[in-house]
Amino acid sequence: MLARSIILLSLAISRPVAAQELSKVSLSPVVRVTLQLDSGSTARFNAHGFDLRVAQAGAPASAEIELVKVAGASTGDLISMSANAARAPSGIIEVLDSLGRSAVTLRLSDISIVSDHLSLSATRASLEQQRISQQEALSALTADQQEAQRQLATLEELGKTRVATRMDVARARDHASDLQRRIDLLKQRQALLASQIANQAGGPLDETIVLHFGRLQIDSAEPGGRAAIDFARRPAPKRD
């Protein structure tokens, strides 16, 4: 049977959010991860990259999760587990909405960290460039809105002497209101970007972790959003 790869869930954390989506409850740019490393040690961190893959090449099916986090918190423990082919008994990954509530929860059992890779992060530089661009756009919009308000005030005064028509005043008012709405939306985007930058504050290195696991339970309030799947336990990778 040809291999079939099914990507069940992934988050493109760095993609821009459309302005029309900002008023809705959307997914947060991070997922919250808790790994029970052993009976007395727990690793907790946020990941800004997340990908779950389930594949079937004959039987049984297999699965893996890739997480990308800022190197620092728990990095030593995770690298040690990967190097020693140790297994974590359980873990929880929470996909959060923009209000910080859990939208989807994944519960893992019998977890192995098959790889842990550190690399220089290009994300922080990209986010800083976005921040600068947004600030420039906000400055331009603010100047336009202030000019629109001055024009509106002038037309309102002229309207009292009937030099300007009601239509002229209404158009000027609509233009000023539209610019204010655009400013408010841009400020919401700035707040979201600031949250992403704060999550990158740990350092210049990205840590990419790949997890294999024996059991996956998916909990979601959405219709058809629940599942419990057992996977074949993979042997620890051979090391020279």
C-alpha atoms as a PDB file:
ATOM      1  CA  MET A   1       0.000   0.000   0.000  1.00  0.00           C
ATOM      2  CA  LEU A   2       1.253   3.435  -0.856  1.00  0.00           C
ATOM      3  CA  ALA A   3       2.114   5.561   2.125  1.00  0.00           C
ATOM      4  CA  ARG A   4      -0.569   8.011   3.075  1.00  0.00           C
ATOM      5  CA  SER A   5       0.275  11.063   5.132  1.00  0.00           C
ATOM      6  CA  ILE A   6      -2.506  12.971   6.854  1.00  0.00           C
ATOM      7  CA  ILE A   7      -1.723  16.300   8.479  1.00  0.00           C
ATOM      8  CA  LEU A   8      -4.389  16.549  11.156  1.00  0.00           C
ATOM      9  CA  LEU A   9      -3.515  19.871  12.694  1.00  0.00           C
ATOM     10  CA  SER A  10      -0.884  22.531  12.176  1.00  0.00           C
ATOM     11  CA  LEU A  11      -0.336  26.134  13.185  1.00  0.00           C
ATOM     12  CA  ALA A  12       1.459  28.603  10.957  1.00  0.00           C
ATOM     13  CA  ILE A  13       2.329  30.901  13.796  1.00  0.00           C
ATOM     14  CA  SER A  14       4.050  33.581  11.790  1.00  0.00           C
ATOM     15  CA  ARG A  15       1.325  34.124   9.190  1.00  0.00           C
ATOM     16  CA  PRO A  16      -0.327  37.564   9.253  1.00  0.00           C
ATOM     17  CA  VAL A  17      -3.867  37.842  10.590  1.00  0.00           C
ATOM     18  CA  ALA A  18      -6.396  39.386   8.239  1.00  0.00           C
ATOM     19  CA  ALA A  19      -8.039  42.530   9.562  1.00  0.00           C
ATOM     20  CA  GLN A  20     -11.524  41.063   9.276  1.00  0.00           C
ATOM     21  CA  GLU A  21     -10.521  38.177  11.565  1.00  0.00           C
ATOM     22  CA  LEU A  22      -9.326  40.386  14.407  1.00  0.00           C
ATOM     23  CA  SER A  23     -12.765  40.905  15.922  1.00  0.00           C
ATOM     24  CA  LYS A  24     -13.294  37.139  16.191  1.00  0.00           C
ATOM     25  CA  VAL A  25     -11.887  34.689  18.718  1.00  0.00           C
ATOM     26  CA  SER A  26      -9.022  33.084  16.809  1.00  0.00           C
ATOM     27  CA  LEU A  27      -6.135  30.772  17.627  1.00  0.00           C
ATOM     28  CA  SER A  28      -3.294  32.090  19.727  1.00  0.00           C
ATOM     29  CA  PRO A  29       0.189  32.234  18.169  1.00  0.00           C
ATOM     30  CA  VAL A  30       1.467  29.731  20.752  1.00  0.00           C
ATOM     31  CA  VAL A  31       0.602  26.304  22.098  1.00  0.00           C
ATOM     32  CA  ARG A  32       1.133  25.393  25.748  1.00  0.00           C
ATOM     33  CA  VAL A  33       3.123  22.219  26.397  1.00  0.00           C
ATOM     34  CA  THR A  34       3.482  20.161  29.593  1.00  0.00           C
ATOM     35  CA  LEU A  35       5.674  17.034  29.563  1.00  0.00           C
ATOM     36  CA  GLN A  36       5.930  14.725  32.580  1.00  0.00           C
ATOM     37  CA  LEU A  37       9.582  13.764  32.156  1.00  0.00           C
ATOM     38  CA  ASP A  38       9.632  11.341  35.098  1.00  0.00           C
ATOM     39  CA  SER A  39       7.937  10.890  38.472  1.00  0.00           C
ATOM     40  CA  GLY A  40       9.470  14.072  39.873  1.00  0.00           C
ATOM     41  CA  SER A  41      10.240  16.320  36.908  1.00  0.00           C
ATOM     42  CA  THR A  42       7.928  18.299  34.620  1.00  0.00           C
ATOM     43  CA  ALA A  43       8.822  20.474  31.629  1.00  0.00           C
ATOM     44  CA  ARG A  44       6.488  23.377  30.854  1.00  0.00           C
ATOM     45  CA  PHE A  45       6.969  25.725  27.905  1.00  0.00           C
ATOM     46  CA  ASN A  46       5.215  27.542  25.064  1.00  0.00           C
ATOM     47  CA  ALA A  47       5.857  26.560  21.451  1.00  0.00           C
ATOM     48  CA  HIS A  48       5.397  28.933  18.535  1.00  0.00           C
ATOM     49  CA  GLY A  49       5.471  26.125  15.970  1.00  0.00           C
ATOM     50  CA  PHE A  50       3.310  22.989  16.080  1.00  0.00           C
ATOM     51  CA  ASP A  51       2.644  20.192  13.597  1.00  0.00           C
ATOM     52  CA  LEU A  52       0.898  16.848  14.119  1.00  0.00           C
ATOM     53  CA  ARG A  53       1.284  14.163  11.451  1.00  0.00           C
ATOM     54  CA  VAL A  54      -0.407  10.775  11.295  1.00  0.00           C
ATOM     55  CA  ALA A  55       0.768   8.422   8.557  1.00  0.00           C
ATOM     56  CA  GLN A  56      -0.197   4.927   7.454  1.00  0.00           C
ATOM     57  CA  ALA A  57       2.114   2.758   5.413  1.00  0.00           C
ATOM     58  CA  GLY A  58       0.436  -0.615   5.671  1.00  0.00           C
ATOM     59  CA  ALA A  59      -0.306  -1.282   9.335  1.00  0.00           C
ATOM     60  CA  PRO A  60      -0.030  -0.126  12.014  1.00  0.00           C
ATOM     61  CA  ALA A  61      -0.329   3.647  11.732  1.00  0.00           C
ATOM     62  CA  SER A  62       2.333   5.925  13.193  1.00  0.00           C
ATOM     63  CA  ALA A  63       2.350   9.527  14.354  1.00  0.00           C
ATOM     64  CA  GLU A  64       4.696  12.322  15.336  1.00  0.00           C
ATOM     65  CA  ILE A  65       4.484  15.865  16.627  1.00  0.00           C
ATOM     66  CA  GLU A  66       6.982  18.603  15.806  1.00  0.00           C
ATOM     67  CA  LEU A  67       7.275  21.544  18.207  1.00  0.00           C
ATOM     68  CA  VAL A  68       9.327  24.720  17.756  1.00  0.00           C
ATOM     69  CA  LYS A  69      10.155  26.735  20.875  1.00  0.00           C
ATOM     70  CA  VAL A  70      12.643  29.335  21.999  1.00  0.00           C
ATOM     71  CA  ALA A  71      15.695  27.519  23.368  1.00  0.00           C
ATOM     72  CA  GLY A  72      16.149  27.972  27.082  1.00  0.00           C
ATOM     73  CA  ALA A  73      13.362  26.580  29.240  1.00  0.00           C
ATOM     74  CA  SER A  74      13.873  22.809  29.700  1.00  0.00           C
ATOM     75  CA  THR A  75      16.294  22.630  26.754  1.00  0.00           C
ATOM     76  CA  GLY A  76      18.922  20.683  28.718  1.00  0.00           C
ATOM     77  CA  ASP A  77      16.383  18.135  29.994  1.00  0.00           C
ATOM     78  CA  LEU A  78      14.891  17.617  26.539  1.00  0.00           C
ATOM     79  CA  ILE A  79      18.260  17.174  24.815  1.00  0.00           C
ATOM     80  CA  SER A  80      19.318  14.737  27.525  1.00  0.00           C
ATOM     81  CA  MET A  81      16.169  12.657  27.053  1.00  0.00           C
ATOM     82  CA  SER A  82      16.686  12.593  23.297  1.00  0.00           C
ATOM     83  CA  ALA A  83      20.361  11.586  23.623  1.00  0.00           C
ATOM     84  CA  ASN A  84      19.564   8.824  26.132  1.00  0.00           C
ATOM     85  CA  ALA A  85      16.480   7.529  24.283  1.00  0.00           C
ATOM     86  CA  ALA A  86      14.482   8.058  27.479  1.00  0.00           C
ATOM     87  CA  ARG A  87      10.689   8.063  27.489  1.00  0.00           C
ATOM     88  CA  ALA A  88       8.284  10.474  29.148  1.00  0.00           C
ATOM     89  CA  PRO A  89       5.178   8.810  30.580  1.00  0.00           C
ATOM     90  CA  SER A  90       2.717  11.541  29.562  1.00  0.00           C
ATOM     91  CA  GLY A  91       2.266  14.995  28.093  1.00  0.00           C
ATOM     92  CA  ILE A  92      -0.389  17.590  27.325  1.00  0.00           C
ATOM     93  CA  ILE A  93      -0.403  20.062  24.432  1.00  0.00           C
ATOM     94  CA  GLU A  94      -3.025  22.802  24.514  1.00  0.00           C
ATOM     95  CA  VAL A  95      -3.891  24.803  21.414  1.00  0.00           C
ATOM     96  CA  LEU A  96      -5.116  28.110  22.825  1.00  0.00           C
ATOM     97  CA  ASP A  97      -7.570  30.621  21.429  1.00  0.00           C
ATOM     98  CA  SER A  98      -6.896  34.356  21.440  1.00  0.00           C
ATOM     99  CA  LEU A  99      -8.458  34.624  24.918  1.00  0.00           C
ATOM    100  CA  GLY A 100      -5.992  32.117  26.363  1.00  0.00           C
ATOM    101  CA  ARG A 101      -8.539  29.309  26.640  1.00  0.00           C
ATOM    102  CA  SER A 102      -7.864  25.774  25.466  1.00  0.00           C
ATOM    103  CA  ALA A 103      -9.492  25.225  22.057  1.00  0.00           C
ATOM    104  CA  VAL A 104      -7.987  21.779  21.405  1.00  0.00           C
ATOM    105  CA  THR A 105      -6.205  19.555  23.935  1.00  0.00           C
ATOM    106  CA  LEU A 106      -3.922  16.680  22.939  1.00  0.00           C
ATOM    107  CA  ARG A 107      -2.981  14.122  25.609  1.00  0.00           C
ATOM    108  CA  LEU A 108       0.012  11.912  24.862  1.00  0.00           C
ATOM    109  CA  SER A 109       1.289   8.740  26.517  1.00  0.00           C
ATOM    110  CA  ASP A 110       4.578   6.835  26.244  1.00  0.00           C
ATOM    111  CA  ILE A 111       6.499   9.700  24.633  1.00  0.00           C
ATOM    112  CA  SER A 112       9.959   9.583  23.128  1.00  0.00           C
ATOM    113  CA  ILE A 113      11.925  12.627  21.943  1.00  0.00           C
ATOM    114  CA  VAL A 114      13.417  11.305  18.716  1.00  0.00           C
ATOM    115  CA  SER A 115      15.250  14.522  17.838  1.00  0.00           C
ATOM    116  CA  ASP A 116      16.080  17.913  19.345  1.00  0.00           C
ATOM    117  CA  HIS A 117      17.623  20.471  17.001  1.00  0.00           C
ATOM    118  CA  LEU A 118      18.914  23.965  17.835  1.00  0.00           C
ATOM    119  CA  SER A 119      19.227  26.629  15.150  1.00  0.00           C
ATOM    120  CA  LEU A 120      19.560  30.386  14.831  1.00  0.00           C
ATOM    121  CA  SER A 121      16.116  31.986  14.834  1.00  0.00           C
ATOM    122  CA  ALA A 122      15.031  34.078  11.880  1.00  0.00           C
ATOM    123  CA  THR A 123      11.640  34.604  13.502  1.00  0.00           C
ATOM    124  CA  ARG A 124      12.706  37.410  15.834  1.00  0.00           C
ATOM    125  CA  ALA A 125      14.195  39.482  13.007  1.00  0.00           C
ATOM    126  CA  SER A 126      11.042  38.984  10.940  1.00  0.00           C
ATOM    127  CA  LEU A 127       8.817  40.046  13.835  1.00  0.00           C
ATOM    128  CA  GLU A 128      10.911  43.159  14.456  1.00  0.00           C
ATOM    129  CA  GLN A 129      10.609  44.110  10.795  1.00  0.00           C
ATOM    130  CA  GLN A 130       6.836  43.666  11.014  1.00  0.00           C
ATOM    131  CA  ARG A 131       6.781  45.858  14.141  1.00  0.00           C
ATOM    132  CA  ILE A 132       8.653  48.659  12.368  1.00  0.00           C
ATOM    133  CA  SER A 133       6.375  48.438   9.307  1.00  0.00           C
ATOM    134  CA  GLN A 134       3.274  48.572  11.484  1.00  0.00           C
ATOM    135  CA  GLN A 135       4.596  51.596  13.373  1.00  0.00           C
ATOM    136  CA  GLU A 136       5.280  53.401  10.101  1.00  0.00           C
ATOM    137  CA  ALA A 137       1.781  52.547   8.856  1.00  0.00           C
ATOM    138  CA  LEU A 138       0.246  53.770  12.118  1.00  0.00           C
ATOM    139  CA  SER A 139       2.128  57.083  11.895  1.00  0.00           C
ATOM    140  CA  ALA A 140       0.877  57.631   8.339  1.00  0.00           C
ATOM    141  CA  LEU A 141      -2.714  56.710   9.218  1.00  0.00           C
ATOM    142  CA  THR A 142      -2.653  58.970  12.270  1.00  0.00           C
ATOM    143  CA  ALA A 143      -1.475  61.916  10.181  1.00  0.00           C
ATOM    144  CA  ASP A 144      -4.197  61.230   7.584  1.00  0.00           C
ATOM    145  CA  GLN A 145      -6.846  60.957  10.290  1.00  0.00           C
ATOM    146  CA  GLN A 146      -5.801  64.228  11.898  1.00  0.00           C
ATOM    147  CA  GLU A 147      -5.964  65.975   8.521  1.00  0.00           C
ATOM    148  CA  ALA A 148      -9.404  64.436   7.891  1.00  0.00           C
ATOM    149  CA  GLN A 149     -10.598  65.756  11.255  1.00  0.00           C
ATOM    150  CA  ARG A 150      -9.366  69.267  10.374  1.00  0.00           C
ATOM    151  CA  GLN A 151     -11.164  69.122   7.030  1.00  0.00           C
ATOM    152  CA  LEU A 152     -14.330  67.896   8.746  1.00  0.00           C
ATOM    153  CA  ALA A 153     -14.197  70.753  11.276  1.00  0.00           C
ATOM    154  CA  THR A 154     -13.737  73.264   8.441  1.00  0.00           C
ATOM    155  CA  LEU A 155     -16.655  71.876   6.447  1.00  0.00           C
ATOM    156  CA  GLU A 156     -18.886  71.830   9.512  1.00  0.00           C
ATOM    157  CA  GLU A 157     -18.173  75.528  10.026  1.00  0.00           C
ATOM    158  CA  LEU A 158     -18.786  76.259   6.328  1.00  0.00           C
ATOM    159  CA  GLY A 159     -21.984  74.249   6.540  1.00  0.00           C
ATOM    160  CA  LYS A 160     -23.341  76.707   9.073  1.00  0.00           C
ATOM    161  CA  THR A 161     -23.139  79.428   6.426  1.00  0.00           C
ATOM    162  CA  ARG A 162     -24.301  77.026   3.699  1.00  0.00           C
ATOM    163  CA  VAL A 163     -21.015  77.328   1.801  1.00  0.00           C
ATOM    164  CA  ALA A 164     -20.570  73.556   2.217  1.00  0.00           C
ATOM    165  CA  THR A 165     -23.442  71.145   1.590  1.00  0.00           C
ATOM    166  CA  ARG A 166     -24.658  68.474   3.969  1.00  0.00           C
ATOM    167  CA  MET A 167     -23.305  65.892   1.531  1.00  0.00           C
ATOM    168  CA  ASP A 168     -19.821  67.411   1.763  1.00  0.00           C
ATOM    169  CA  VAL A 169     -19.930  67.256   5.547  1.00  0.00           C
ATOM    170  CA  ALA A 170     -21.242  63.668   5.548  1.00  0.00           C
ATOM    171  CA  ARG A 171     -18.475  62.523   3.194  1.00  0.00           C
ATOM    172  CA  ALA A 172     -15.809  64.178   5.339  1.00  0.00           C
ATOM    173  CA  ARG A 173     -17.241  62.589   8.485  1.00  0.00           C
ATOM    174  CA  ASP A 174     -17.317  59.122   6.876  1.00  0.00           C
ATOM    175  CA  HIS A 175     -13.712  59.528   5.719  1.00  0.00           C
ATOM    176  CA  ALA A 176     -12.539  60.495   9.207  1.00  0.00           C
ATOM    177  CA  SER A 177     -14.465  57.576  10.753  1.00  0.00           C
ATOM    178  CA  ASP A 178     -13.017  55.102   8.249  1.00  0.00           C
ATOM    179  CA  LEU A 179      -9.473  56.222   9.054  1.00  0.00           C
ATOM    180  CA  GLN A 180     -10.160  55.815  12.786  1.00  0.00           C
ATOM    181  CA  ARG A 181     -11.432  52.254  12.222  1.00  0.00           C
ATOM    182  CA  ARG A 182      -8.260  51.444  10.280  1.00  0.00           C
ATOM    183  CA  ILE A 183      -6.158  52.836  13.124  1.00  0.00           C
ATOM    184  CA  ASP A 184      -8.039  50.719  15.681  1.00  0.00           C
ATOM    185  CA  LEU A 185      -7.542  47.542  13.603  1.00  0.00           C
ATOM    186  CA  LEU A 186      -3.841  48.263  13.190  1.00  0.00           C
ATOM    187  CA  LYS A 187      -3.464  48.740  16.941  1.00  0.00           C
ATOM    188  CA  GLN A 188      -5.055  45.306  17.462  1.00  0.00           C
ATOM    189  CA  ARG A 189      -2.525  43.832  15.055  1.00  0.00           C
ATOM    190  CA  GLN A 190       0.245  45.591  16.970  1.00  0.00           C
ATOM    191  CA  ALA A 191      -0.964  44.025  20.221  1.00  0.00           C
ATOM    192  CA  LEU A 192      -0.944  40.561  18.645  1.00  0.00           C
ATOM    193  CA  LEU A 193       2.540  41.131  17.251  1.00  0.00           C
ATOM    194  CA  ALA A 194       3.770  42.368  20.642  1.00  0.00           C
ATOM    195  CA  SER A 195       2.594  39.075  22.147  1.00  0.00           C
ATOM    196  CA  GLN A 196       4.552  37.141  19.524  1.00  0.00           C
ATOM    197  CA  ILE A 197       7.678  39.215  20.178  1.00  0.00           C
ATOM    198  CA  ALA A 198       7.319  38.648  23.937  1.00  0.00           C
ATOM    199  CA  ASN A 199       7.251  34.894  23.336  1.00  0.00           C
ATOM    200  CA  GLN A 200      10.516  35.250  21.403  1.00  0.00           C
ATOM    201  CA  ALA A 201      12.224  37.081  24.252  1.00  0.00           C
ATOM    202  CA  GLY A 202      14.081  34.029  25.507  1.00  0.00           C
ATOM    203  CA  GLY A 203      16.982  34.195  23.054  1.00  0.00           C
ATOM    204  CA  PRO A 204      18.187  33.956  19.469  1.00  0.00           C
ATOM    205  CA  LEU A 205      17.959  30.149  19.157  1.00  0.00           C
ATOM    206  CA  ASP A 206      15.007  28.057  18.020  1.00  0.00           C
ATOM    207  CA  GLU A 207      14.668  24.522  19.391  1.00  0.00           C
ATOM    208  CA  THR A 208      12.834  22.005  17.192  1.00  0.00           C
ATOM    209  CA  ILE A 209      11.613  18.882  18.977  1.00  0.00           C
ATOM    210  CA  VAL A 210      10.093  15.795  17.353  1.00  0.00           C
ATOM    211  CA  LEU A 211       7.962  13.543  19.534  1.00  0.00           C
ATOM    212  CA  HIS A 212       6.772   9.987  18.964  1.00  0.00           C
ATOM    213  CA  PHE A 213       4.160   8.495  21.270  1.00  0.00           C
ATOM    214  CA  GLY A 214       2.149   5.362  21.916  1.00  0.00           C
ATOM    215  CA  ARG A 215      -1.269   6.907  22.468  1.00  0.00           C
ATOM    216  CA  LEU A 216      -2.977  10.128  21.421  1.00  0.00           C
ATOM    217  CA  GLN A 217      -6.219  11.533  22.787  1.00  0.00           C
ATOM    218  CA  ILE A 218      -7.731  14.603  21.129  1.00  0.00           C
ATOM    219  CA  ASP A 219     -10.303  16.681  23.022  1.00  0.00           C
ATOM    220  CA  SER A 220     -12.228  19.476  21.334  1.00  0.00           C
ATOM    221  CA  ALA A 221     -15.690  20.947  21.835  1.00  0.00           C
ATOM    222  CA  GLU A 222     -16.236  21.052  18.081  1.00  0.00           C
ATOM    223  CA  PRO A 223     -18.441  18.337  16.472  1.00  0.00           C
ATOM    224  CA  GLY A 224     -16.313  15.300  15.669  1.00  0.00           C
ATOM    225  CA  GLY A 225     -13.413  16.817  17.564  1.00  0.00           C
ATOM    226  CA  ARG A 226     -12.703  13.887  19.905  1.00  0.00           C
ATOM    227  CA  ALA A 227     -10.547  10.842  19.195  1.00  0.00           C
ATOM    228  CA  ALA A 228      -8.360   8.311  21.001  1.00  0.00           C
ATOM    229  CA  ILE A 229      -5.754   6.440  18.943  1.00  0.00           C
ATOM    230  CA  ASP A 230      -3.176   3.834  19.897  1.00  0.00           C
ATOM    231  CA  PHE A 231       0.036   3.603  17.891  1.00  0.00           C
ATOM    232  CA  ALA A 232       2.655   0.898  17.692  1.00  0.00           C
ATOM    233  CA  ARG A 233       5.502   1.559  20.099  1.00  0.00           C
ATOM    234  CA  ARG A 234       8.557   2.424  18.047  1.00  0.00           C
ATOM    235  CA  PRO A 235      11.952   1.110  19.085  1.00  0.00           C
ATOM    236  CA  ALA A 236      14.460   3.678  20.236  1.00  0.00           C
ATOM    237  CA  PRO A 237      16.650   4.850  17.342  1.00  0.00           C
ATOM    238  CA  LYS A 238      20.020   3.098  17.128  1.00  0.00           C
ATOM    239  CA  ARG A 239      23.044   5.182  17.996  1.00  0.00           C
ATOM    240  CA  ASP A 240      26.601   4.548  16.908  1.00  0.00           C
END
